Amino acid sequence: MEYRALSGVLARPSDPVRTRVLVVLLAAPGVAILELVRQQTGTAGFCVGLGLAVLPVPPLMAAFRWLGRAAPGPWRQLLFCCGWGACAAALIAIVANSFATQWIAAATADPSDADQLGSVVIAPVVEESAKAAALLLVFVFRRRRLAGPADGFVLAGFTATGFAFTENILYLGNAFDEDVADGTGVLDSVTAATFFVRIVLSPFAHPLFTVLTGLGFGMAALGRRRRSRIGPPLLGLAAAMCLHALWNSSSRFGEYGFYVVYGCVMVPAFGLLLLLAVRIRQRRLRAVGAELAVYAAAGWLGPAEVPALASMPARSLARSLARRTGGRAAGRAVALYEADAAALALLRHRARRGGPARERDFALHERELLRGLWLRRATAGPALARAAVLEELLPPWFDPVPVPARPVVVPGPRPARAGTPDTGASHGHAAHTDASPAGAADARR
């Protein structure tokens, strides 16, 4: 049975039935929302909007994936969040927004007032809540996959990217339909203006809002008390709604209101989140290096592997070296080894800092991750050691391939006894008491 590392913890075995069910559940609202958009924009407008809306999707996905590379999660999980945003969240938003706007217009007999309230009040609440539902599902049913704010950041980014994709189809398609009806030229068209504002100036708008919610869920995943698990997501969601409302109301602040909000709020907020993303990534890599050093001392990793695993360029180089000598299978083995090692380090880091995982859960996941490392070490170890040398991560006198001080026995997958801290090596001679959170705490004392 193959196990894969998922953002700091071990994933469950792949389940084709569960995957098919999720695909069907997302495909149904996906077909519905695309048909609704096509009815509003027309077939020609839909095709134009689709072609233009897809342009910012790959760069945004690559940016959020870059942040998660320190402890990579599976594409299946990321695509679920993106699909939820593009299909389920978009369908909820368009139906709820239309219903609310019509109800307000009927109640006030003022369509312009209804549009304003719908844009500034209703849309931020509905849209951010719909996008946050994907994060809530992961938090409730796959909480172990949220190892911290970085995972919430990435999942929220993918969810919002999918939502913005569908919304951009609607806006660009409507703009094209309006231009066709008016016979407007390309340069003076509403389509060009909409493309410039939504695709060029502010492709990060929806991700920026939803990332605040994602950070809240990531912080909640580290909490031990109920208050610390409920408060951060609610605060993050409230902040996302407020920022979204401010952005939607920018055009109502006068002739230059949009530019003021964009330059004084959106751009600085984007810069702060970008700086935060870089710092989160660096902290994760430092945590990987610090925690894996303990496993290297216990004999599970080569000493030269630790600096390579804590360096993204060295990881990439190790995969390239493995592919040159052993083909794609070897490169894949090194990639899985790196993912398991990062997941193991973050699992231990979280448990050592008092995460909510029980000791038995920690021992079970640690044992399986160690087993996966040992099975691929023959391929990945030399590639990582060579990468560490080529990247000059080791001192000149360091021998990258030392003779093992003692044998290491691969642990079996059977569970540990309840309440017994385990390093995953308790069934062999490589057991090292300091490789468990409890052992680390004893060593500090």
Protein backbone atom coordinates (compact mmCIF):
# COMPACT_ATOMS: atom_id res chain seq x y z
CA MET A 1 0.00 0.00 0.00
CA GLU A 2 1.47 3.33 -1.04
CA TYR A 3 1.39 6.27 1.32
CA ARG A 4 2.08 9.86 0.41
CA ALA A 5 3.04 12.86 2.50
CA LEU A 6 0.38 15.51 2.76
CA SER A 7 1.51 18.85 4.18
CA GLY A 8 3.04 17.60 7.38
CA VAL A 9 1.14 14.36 7.85
CA LEU A 10 0.54 11.08 6.09
CA ALA A 11 -2.32 10.80 3.63
CA ARG A 12 -4.81 8.03 3.60
CA PRO A 13 -4.50 5.41 0.88
CA SER A 14 -5.92 6.52 -2.46
CA ASP A 15 -9.61 5.73 -2.82
CA PRO A 16 -10.91 5.70 -6.41
CA VAL A 17 -14.51 5.68 -5.22
CA ARG A 18 -14.03 8.78 -3.09
CA THR A 19 -12.27 10.53 -5.96
CA ARG A 20 -15.09 9.73 -8.39
CA VAL A 21 -17.69 10.97 -5.92
CA LEU A 22 -15.86 14.28 -5.50
CA VAL A 23 -15.52 14.67 -9.26
CA VAL A 24 -19.24 14.11 -9.74
CA LEU A 25 -20.15 16.46 -6.89
CA LEU A 26 -18.03 19.22 -8.40
CA ALA A 27 -18.94 18.48 -12.02
CA ALA A 28 -22.67 18.97 -11.41
CA PRO A 29 -22.40 22.57 -10.13
CA GLY A 30 -19.66 23.16 -12.69
CA VAL A 31 -21.96 22.34 -15.60
CA ALA A 32 -24.73 24.40 -14.00
CA ILE A 33 -22.61 27.50 -13.45
CA LEU A 34 -21.11 27.38 -16.94
CA GLU A 35 -24.56 27.11 -18.47
CA LEU A 36 -25.79 30.05 -16.37
CA VAL A 37 -22.81 32.12 -17.49
CA ARG A 38 -23.36 31.12 -21.13
CA GLN A 39 -27.01 32.17 -20.92
CA GLN A 40 -26.03 35.59 -19.58
CA THR A 41 -23.13 36.24 -21.96
CA GLY A 42 -24.18 34.37 -25.08
CA THR A 43 -22.11 31.65 -26.71
CA ALA A 44 -19.66 34.04 -28.37
CA GLY A 45 -19.19 36.07 -25.21
CA PHE A 46 -18.75 32.89 -23.20
CA CYS A 47 -15.97 31.65 -25.49
CA VAL A 48 -14.18 35.01 -25.45
CA GLY A 49 -14.51 35.29 -21.68
CA LEU A 50 -13.26 31.73 -21.21
CA GLY A 51 -10.21 32.32 -23.37
CA LEU A 52 -9.27 35.54 -21.57
CA ALA A 53 -10.13 34.37 -18.03
CA VAL A 54 -7.80 31.38 -18.21
CA LEU A 55 -4.70 33.55 -18.75
CA PRO A 56 -3.95 34.43 -15.07
CA VAL A 57 -4.76 30.95 -13.74
CA PRO A 58 -1.41 29.18 -14.42
CA PRO A 59 0.74 32.01 -12.95
CA LEU A 60 -1.41 32.19 -9.82
CA MET A 61 -1.34 28.43 -9.35
CA ALA A 62 2.42 28.37 -9.84
CA ALA A 63 2.86 31.14 -7.26
CA PHE A 64 0.81 29.36 -4.60
CA ARG A 65 2.41 26.04 -5.44
CA TRP A 66 5.82 27.68 -4.97
CA LEU A 67 4.88 28.56 -1.41
CA GLY A 68 3.82 25.00 -0.68
CA ARG A 69 6.89 23.35 -2.19
CA ALA A 70 8.70 23.35 1.16
CA ALA A 71 6.27 20.60 2.22
CA PRO A 72 4.33 19.76 -0.95
CA GLY A 73 0.79 18.53 -0.76
CA PRO A 74 -0.94 16.44 -3.41
CA TRP A 75 -2.31 17.98 -6.56
CA ARG A 76 -5.59 16.16 -5.91
CA GLN A 77 -6.21 18.23 -2.80
CA LEU A 78 -5.26 21.48 -4.51
CA LEU A 79 -7.42 20.73 -7.53
CA PHE A 80 -10.34 19.96 -5.25
CA CYS A 81 -10.05 23.44 -3.71
CA CYS A 82 -9.69 25.05 -7.14
CA GLY A 83 -12.66 23.07 -8.45
CA TRP A 84 -14.74 24.03 -5.44
CA GLY A 85 -14.02 27.70 -6.03
CA ALA A 86 -14.71 27.52 -9.78
CA CYS A 87 -17.83 25.35 -9.55
CA ALA A 88 -19.58 25.11 -6.17
CA ALA A 89 -18.61 28.50 -4.71
CA ALA A 90 -19.28 30.32 -7.98
CA LEU A 91 -22.71 28.71 -8.32
CA ILE A 92 -23.63 29.57 -4.73
CA ALA A 93 -22.46 33.15 -5.24
CA ILE A 94 -24.26 33.83 -8.50
CA VAL A 95 -27.55 32.35 -7.29
CA ALA A 96 -27.44 33.99 -3.84
CA ASN A 97 -26.31 37.37 -5.17
CA SER A 98 -29.04 37.43 -7.82
CA PHE A 99 -31.72 36.42 -5.33
CA ALA A 100 -30.58 39.00 -2.76
CA THR A 101 -30.38 41.79 -5.31
CA GLN A 102 -33.86 41.03 -6.65
CA TRP A 103 -35.28 40.87 -3.15
CA ILE A 104 -33.74 44.22 -2.17
CA ALA A 105 -34.97 45.82 -5.41
CA ALA A 106 -38.50 44.56 -4.75
CA ALA A 107 -38.39 45.72 -1.13
CA THR A 108 -37.00 49.20 -1.81
CA ALA A 109 -38.34 49.81 -5.34
CA ASP A 110 -34.92 51.24 -6.17
CA PRO A 111 -32.83 49.06 -8.52
CA SER A 112 -29.73 51.27 -8.23
CA ASP A 113 -29.80 51.03 -4.45
CA ALA A 114 -30.23 47.26 -4.72
CA ASP A 115 -27.19 46.97 -6.99
CA GLN A 116 -25.10 49.04 -4.58
CA LEU A 117 -26.11 47.02 -1.53
CA GLY A 118 -25.64 43.80 -3.42
CA SER A 119 -22.13 44.73 -4.52
CA VAL A 120 -20.87 46.20 -1.25
CA VAL A 121 -22.73 44.19 1.39
CA ILE A 122 -24.20 40.99 -0.01
CA ALA A 123 -21.49 39.89 -2.46
CA PRO A 124 -18.53 40.01 -0.02
CA VAL A 125 -20.41 38.00 2.60
CA VAL A 126 -21.78 35.41 0.19
CA GLU A 127 -18.65 34.97 -1.92
CA GLU A 128 -16.15 34.78 0.94
CA SER A 129 -18.38 32.38 2.85
CA ALA A 130 -18.75 30.16 -0.21
CA LYS A 131 -15.00 30.06 -0.75
CA ALA A 132 -14.33 29.45 2.94
CA ALA A 133 -16.53 26.35 2.79
CA ALA A 134 -13.74 24.50 0.94
CA LEU A 135 -11.29 25.32 3.72
CA LEU A 136 -13.84 24.30 6.33
CA LEU A 137 -14.27 20.90 4.65
CA VAL A 138 -10.53 20.30 4.69
CA PHE A 139 -10.30 21.50 8.29
CA VAL A 140 -13.11 19.21 9.48
CA PHE A 141 -12.39 16.06 7.48
CA ARG A 142 -8.64 16.35 6.76
CA ARG A 143 -7.35 18.48 9.62
CA ARG A 144 -4.02 16.67 9.67
CA ARG A 145 -3.33 18.05 6.20
CA LEU A 146 -3.35 21.58 7.64
CA ALA A 147 0.05 21.72 9.28
CA GLY A 148 0.01 25.49 9.71
CA PRO A 149 -0.65 28.87 8.08
CA ALA A 150 1.29 27.94 4.95
CA ASP A 151 -1.15 25.15 4.09
CA GLY A 152 -4.12 27.45 4.68
CA PHE A 153 -2.43 30.08 2.50
CA VAL A 154 -1.98 27.65 -0.40
CA LEU A 155 -5.43 26.04 -0.20
CA ALA A 156 -7.14 29.43 0.02
CA GLY A 157 -5.15 30.67 -2.96
CA PHE A 158 -6.20 27.76 -5.14
CA THR A 159 -9.84 28.12 -4.06
CA ALA A 160 -9.92 31.83 -4.85
CA THR A 161 -8.11 31.32 -8.17
CA GLY A 162 -10.84 28.93 -9.30
CA PHE A 163 -13.57 31.33 -8.16
CA ALA A 164 -11.98 34.31 -9.92
CA PHE A 165 -11.67 32.25 -13.12
CA THR A 166 -15.41 31.63 -13.33
CA GLU A 167 -16.27 35.20 -12.30
CA ASN A 168 -13.94 36.61 -14.95
CA ILE A 169 -15.69 34.56 -17.63
CA LEU A 170 -18.96 36.26 -16.64
CA TYR A 171 -17.58 39.79 -16.56
CA LEU A 172 -15.51 39.50 -19.74
CA GLY A 173 -18.30 37.72 -21.59
CA ASN A 174 -20.84 40.40 -20.67
CA ALA A 175 -18.38 43.10 -21.72
CA PHE A 176 -17.84 41.45 -25.11
CA ASP A 177 -21.59 41.07 -25.63
CA GLU A 178 -22.03 44.77 -24.88
CA ASP A 179 -19.28 45.72 -27.31
CA VAL A 180 -20.83 43.61 -30.06
CA ALA A 181 -24.22 45.27 -29.49
CA ASP A 182 -22.68 48.77 -29.61
CA GLY A 183 -20.20 48.07 -32.41
CA THR A 184 -17.31 49.42 -30.31
CA GLY A 185 -13.72 49.15 -31.55
CA VAL A 186 -11.22 46.89 -29.82
CA LEU A 187 -9.10 49.58 -28.17
CA ASP A 188 -12.10 51.54 -26.93
CA SER A 189 -14.09 48.48 -25.93
CA VAL A 190 -15.49 47.57 -22.56
CA THR A 191 -13.84 44.18 -23.00
CA ALA A 192 -10.38 45.75 -23.14
CA ALA A 193 -11.08 47.89 -20.07
CA THR A 194 -12.45 44.92 -18.13
CA PHE A 195 -9.48 42.79 -19.13
CA PHE A 196 -7.05 45.48 -18.00
CA VAL A 197 -8.71 45.95 -14.61
CA ARG A 198 -9.46 42.32 -13.74
CA ILE A 199 -6.64 40.40 -15.47
CA VAL A 200 -3.76 42.88 -15.58
CA LEU A 201 -4.22 45.17 -12.56
CA SER A 202 -5.94 42.94 -10.03
CA PRO A 203 -5.68 39.20 -10.77
CA PHE A 204 -4.65 38.80 -7.12
CA ALA A 205 -7.80 40.41 -5.68
CA HIS A 206 -9.85 37.32 -4.85
CA PRO A 207 -6.79 35.32 -3.69
CA LEU A 208 -5.84 38.25 -1.47
CA PHE A 209 -9.23 38.22 0.24
CA THR A 210 -9.49 34.47 0.74
CA VAL A 211 -5.90 34.04 1.90
CA LEU A 212 -6.89 35.90 5.06
CA THR A 213 -9.44 33.18 5.76
CA GLY A 214 -6.88 30.51 4.90
CA LEU A 215 -4.39 31.92 7.38
CA GLY A 216 -7.09 31.76 10.04
CA PHE A 217 -7.78 28.08 9.35
CA GLY A 218 -4.05 27.35 9.30
CA MET A 219 -3.61 28.94 12.72
CA ALA A 220 -6.66 27.09 14.02
CA ALA A 221 -5.12 23.78 12.97
CA LEU A 222 -2.31 24.43 15.47
CA GLY A 223 -4.65 25.29 18.34
CA ARG A 224 -5.32 22.96 21.23
CA ARG A 225 -8.33 24.71 22.77
CA ARG A 226 -11.72 25.19 21.18
CA ARG A 227 -11.39 28.97 21.33
CA SER A 228 -8.11 28.87 19.42
CA ARG A 229 -9.72 26.65 16.77
CA ILE A 230 -12.82 28.82 16.25
CA GLY A 231 -11.56 32.38 16.68
CA PRO A 232 -8.84 32.61 13.96
CA PRO A 233 -11.02 31.35 11.07
CA LEU A 234 -13.83 33.73 12.02
CA LEU A 235 -11.44 36.67 12.29
CA GLY A 236 -9.84 35.77 8.98
CA LEU A 237 -13.22 35.46 7.29
CA ALA A 238 -14.35 38.81 8.71
CA ALA A 239 -11.17 40.49 7.47
CA ALA A 240 -11.66 38.94 4.01
CA MET A 241 -15.24 40.23 3.86
CA CYS A 242 -14.23 43.75 4.93
CA LEU A 243 -11.40 43.98 2.41
CA HIS A 244 -13.66 42.59 -0.30
CA ALA A 245 -16.36 45.13 0.54
CA LEU A 246 -13.86 47.99 0.43
CA TRP A 247 -12.62 46.84 -2.97
CA ASN A 248 -16.15 46.57 -4.39
CA SER A 249 -17.06 50.03 -3.11
CA SER A 250 -13.94 51.74 -4.48
CA SER A 251 -15.69 52.94 -7.63
CA ARG A 252 -18.28 54.74 -5.48
CA PHE A 253 -15.70 56.96 -3.76
CA GLY A 254 -15.54 59.44 -6.59
CA GLU A 255 -13.68 59.67 -9.86
CA TYR A 256 -10.36 58.54 -8.40
CA GLY A 257 -11.73 56.26 -5.69
CA PHE A 258 -10.67 53.10 -7.49
CA TYR A 259 -7.07 54.26 -7.85
CA VAL A 260 -6.90 55.41 -4.23
CA VAL A 261 -8.13 52.07 -2.89
CA TYR A 262 -5.93 50.16 -5.32
CA GLY A 263 -2.77 52.12 -4.53
CA CYS A 264 -3.27 52.71 -0.80
CA VAL A 265 -4.92 49.42 0.24
CA MET A 266 -4.70 46.63 -2.31
CA VAL A 267 -1.09 47.01 -3.38
CA PRO A 268 0.30 47.39 0.18
CA ALA A 269 -1.83 44.45 1.38
CA PHE A 270 -0.56 42.36 -1.51
CA GLY A 271 3.02 43.32 -0.69
CA LEU A 272 2.58 42.40 2.97
CA LEU A 273 1.11 39.03 2.11
CA LEU A 274 3.88 38.40 -0.38
CA LEU A 275 6.46 39.17 2.30
CA LEU A 276 4.58 36.92 4.71
CA ALA A 277 4.58 34.09 2.17
CA VAL A 278 8.33 34.33 1.73
CA ARG A 279 8.90 34.33 5.49
CA ILE A 280 6.57 31.36 5.99
CA ARG A 281 8.46 29.42 3.36
CA GLN A 282 11.82 30.25 4.95
CA ARG A 283 10.59 29.29 8.41
CA ARG A 284 9.33 25.98 7.09
CA LEU A 285 12.68 25.20 5.51
CA ARG A 286 14.48 26.06 8.75
CA ALA A 287 12.10 23.81 10.67
CA VAL A 288 12.77 20.99 8.19
CA GLY A 289 16.51 21.30 8.69
CA ALA A 290 16.30 21.47 12.48
CA GLU A 291 13.94 18.53 12.90
CA LEU A 292 15.61 16.27 10.35
CA ALA A 293 18.96 16.72 12.08
CA VAL A 294 17.53 14.68 14.96
CA TYR A 295 16.62 11.83 12.60
CA ALA A 296 20.04 12.04 10.98
CA ALA A 297 21.63 11.64 14.42
CA ALA A 298 19.45 8.55 14.93
CA GLY A 299 20.68 7.03 11.67
CA TRP A 300 17.55 7.46 9.56
CA LEU A 301 19.10 10.05 7.24
CA GLY A 302 22.60 10.72 6.03
CA PRO A 303 24.10 13.88 7.53
CA ALA A 304 24.59 15.30 4.04
CA GLU A 305 20.91 14.87 3.24
CA VAL A 306 19.72 17.31 5.90
CA PRO A 307 21.10 20.54 4.36
CA ALA A 308 19.94 19.38 0.93
CA LEU A 309 16.41 18.73 2.17
CA ALA A 310 16.36 22.19 3.77
CA SER A 311 17.27 23.86 0.46
CA MET A 312 14.84 24.08 -2.44
CA PRO A 313 17.58 24.46 -5.11
CA ALA A 314 19.32 21.37 -3.72
CA ARG A 315 16.07 19.40 -3.79
CA SER A 316 15.50 20.33 -7.42
CA LEU A 317 19.09 19.45 -8.30
CA ALA A 318 18.79 16.07 -6.55
CA ARG A 319 15.72 15.20 -8.64
CA SER A 320 17.56 16.19 -11.81
CA LEU A 321 20.59 14.09 -10.88
CA ALA A 322 18.38 11.10 -10.14
CA ARG A 323 16.56 11.43 -13.48
CA ARG A 324 19.86 11.56 -15.35
CA THR A 325 21.08 8.31 -13.85
CA GLY A 326 17.89 6.35 -13.18
CA GLY A 327 15.22 7.89 -15.39
CA ARG A 328 11.83 9.25 -14.42
CA ALA A 329 11.22 6.53 -11.84
CA ALA A 330 14.33 7.57 -9.92
CA GLY A 331 13.34 11.22 -10.09
CA ARG A 332 9.89 10.35 -8.80
CA ALA A 333 11.41 8.35 -5.94
CA VAL A 334 13.54 11.33 -4.91
CA ALA A 335 10.51 13.65 -5.09
CA LEU A 336 8.51 11.33 -2.82
CA TYR A 337 11.48 11.01 -0.48
CA GLU A 338 11.74 14.79 -0.21
CA ALA A 339 8.00 15.15 0.41
CA ASP A 340 8.04 12.44 3.10
CA ALA A 341 11.07 13.98 4.78
CA ALA A 342 9.46 17.43 4.87
CA ALA A 343 6.21 15.96 6.16
CA LEU A 344 8.10 14.06 8.86
CA ALA A 345 9.93 17.19 9.97
CA LEU A 346 6.76 19.28 10.17
CA LEU A 347 4.89 16.47 11.92
CA ARG A 348 7.54 16.37 14.64
CA HIS A 349 7.80 20.16 14.77
CA ARG A 350 4.06 20.48 15.30
CA ALA A 351 3.90 17.75 17.96
CA ARG A 352 6.96 19.09 19.79
CA ARG A 353 5.34 22.50 20.00
CA GLY A 354 2.23 21.09 21.57
CA GLY A 355 0.02 20.47 18.54
CA PRO A 356 -3.34 18.81 18.97
CA ALA A 357 -2.20 15.42 17.62
CA ARG A 358 -2.14 12.66 20.19
CA GLU A 359 1.11 10.82 20.90
CA ARG A 360 -0.26 7.63 19.40
CA ASP A 361 -1.22 9.44 16.20
CA PHE A 362 2.23 10.96 16.08
CA ALA A 363 3.90 7.55 16.47
CA LEU A 364 1.78 5.91 13.77
CA HIS A 365 2.34 8.64 11.19
CA GLU A 366 6.00 8.98 12.06
CA ARG A 367 6.55 5.24 11.64
CA GLU A 368 4.96 5.15 8.19
CA LEU A 369 6.88 8.20 7.01
CA LEU A 370 10.14 6.68 8.23
CA ARG A 371 9.30 3.47 6.44
CA GLY A 372 8.71 5.38 3.20
CA LEU A 373 12.04 7.17 3.61
CA TRP A 374 13.94 3.97 4.20
CA LEU A 375 12.42 2.24 1.18
CA ARG A 376 13.62 5.06 -1.13
CA ARG A 377 16.84 5.98 0.61
CA ALA A 378 19.05 3.92 -1.68
CA THR A 379 17.98 6.08 -4.60
CA ALA A 380 17.42 9.42 -2.93
CA GLY A 381 20.28 9.49 -0.42
CA PRO A 382 23.18 9.63 -2.92
CA ALA A 383 21.35 12.16 -5.11
CA LEU A 384 20.71 14.47 -2.16
CA ALA A 385 24.27 14.11 -0.87
CA ARG A 386 25.65 14.94 -4.32
CA ALA A 387 23.30 17.93 -4.58
CA ALA A 388 24.49 19.20 -1.20
CA VAL A 389 28.08 19.07 -2.43
CA LEU A 390 27.33 20.79 -5.74
CA GLU A 391 25.31 23.50 -4.01
CA GLU A 392 28.20 24.04 -1.57
CA LEU A 393 26.00 23.38 1.45
CA LEU A 394 28.70 21.33 3.18
CA PRO A 395 32.12 22.35 4.51
CA PRO A 396 35.08 21.22 2.36
CA TRP A 397 36.20 18.64 4.92
CA PHE A 398 32.77 16.99 5.19
CA ASP A 399 32.46 13.42 3.91
CA PRO A 400 29.02 13.23 2.25
CA VAL A 401 28.86 9.41 2.44
CA PRO A 402 29.88 8.39 5.97
CA VAL A 403 29.90 4.80 7.18
CA PRO A 404 26.74 4.12 9.25
CA ALA A 405 27.50 3.98 12.96
CA ARG A 406 24.83 1.37 13.60
CA PRO A 407 22.29 -0.62 11.58
CA VAL A 408 18.83 0.69 10.97
CA VAL A 409 15.86 -1.67 10.80
CA VAL A 410 12.77 -0.76 8.81
CA PRO A 411 9.80 -0.54 11.18
CA GLY A 412 6.62 -2.42 10.51
CA PRO A 413 3.30 -0.63 10.04
CA ARG A 414 1.65 -2.05 13.14
CA PRO A 415 0.36 0.58 15.58
CA ALA A 416 2.14 1.53 18.77
CA ARG A 417 0.56 0.99 22.15
CA ALA A 418 -1.61 3.85 23.31
CA GLY A 419 0.23 6.46 25.32
CA THR A 420 3.68 5.25 24.24
CA PRO A 421 5.85 7.85 22.48
CA ASP A 422 7.62 6.20 19.55
CA THR A 423 10.23 7.41 17.12
CA GLY A 424 9.10 5.02 14.43
CA ALA A 425 12.30 3.04 15.02
CA SER A 426 11.25 1.28 18.19
CA HIS A 427 11.32 -2.11 16.50
CA GLY A 428 14.96 -1.88 15.49
CA HIS A 429 18.38 -1.00 16.91
CA ALA A 430 18.26 2.52 15.50
CA ALA A 431 15.86 3.76 18.14
CA HIS A 432 16.89 7.17 19.45
CA THR A 433 14.98 8.65 22.36
CA ASP A 434 15.60 12.24 21.24
CA ALA A 435 13.81 11.63 17.94
CA SER A 436 10.39 11.97 19.56
CA PRO A 437 8.72 15.11 20.91
CA ALA A 438 8.86 13.72 24.42
CA GLY A 439 12.53 12.91 24.03
CA ALA A 440 13.28 16.36 22.71
CA ALA A 441 11.61 17.93 25.73
CA ASP A 442 13.65 15.69 28.07
CA ALA A 443 16.85 16.67 26.30
CA ARG A 444 16.07 20.37 26.73
CA ARG A 445 15.50 19.86 30.45
